[in-house]
């Protein structure tokens, strides 16, 4: 019954897709050229879609222009002020001229907000090939290319090649995994795409001066390997410049939370605040040095 209902709901889309295919065939024959002319135009149109969002911070109004080629990106834009209010408040309360490490930047919402607030420089860590194009376009669209640097390698505990697994291959999507077979919930992750790439530790990048700035703030939202990234960033976290960490963890995966908590405590942090908003992927925790 569920299968039948699902197919009935999708039937109009299937009919429209069939009609579009016929239309493409006719257009291509009229133009006497191969390819799907109509489809190409629709892709070009979707890639150019933009949305302006406005957020009232404590002392100013921040406006951002975001590319929204699909429903995921539109949803991220629409929910910017309400989805993670604790993250925006954390940024608003931070000192000016600090350096933010946005680990799991996705399409760059919080990197953009931090940089646009005249807070300081940002290093946006985003290894997803599907998100990188939108992240780069968003940075350029808001004229922040001099304030935000993109790091495309995944972060992990040690330098190594490993499988990068995607359970979502849409722009703006999340739920990927590097070097492990599980997702944010500890369950085996669904593989829609996988390839091998080079993962690096944060300590390696800083100690070898590939990145020259130690962070003042670190935001980590990586769907399940938070503890591995922290394990590869112990010296970075211990550095005097590093004062606060905002991390999203799934509290149901006790072993990972326990490891992450131990690393943060050993590096001199104390839990300052837990988000009151419990989301599907977990809740945010704010840690700070006293």
Foldseek 3Di string as FASTA:
>chain_A
DVVVVVCVVCVVVVVVVVVLVVVQVVVCVVVVHDDRVVVVVLQVVLQPDKDWAWDDDPPDIFIFIFRGSDPLRVVCRVCVCPPCVVLVVVLSPDAAAFEEEEAQCQLNSSQCVNVRVNRHAYEYEAQQPQRVVRNVVRCVVSPNPVRYHYDRAHAFQAKDKFKKFDLDRHRSDAFIDTPDQDWLVRDGGDGPDMDIDIYHAPCVCPVVPVPPDQGQEYEHDHTHRLLGNLNSCLVSLLDPSHFKYKYFHAVVVPVSVVSNVVSNVVSQKDWDDWDPDADPSGTITMIGHD
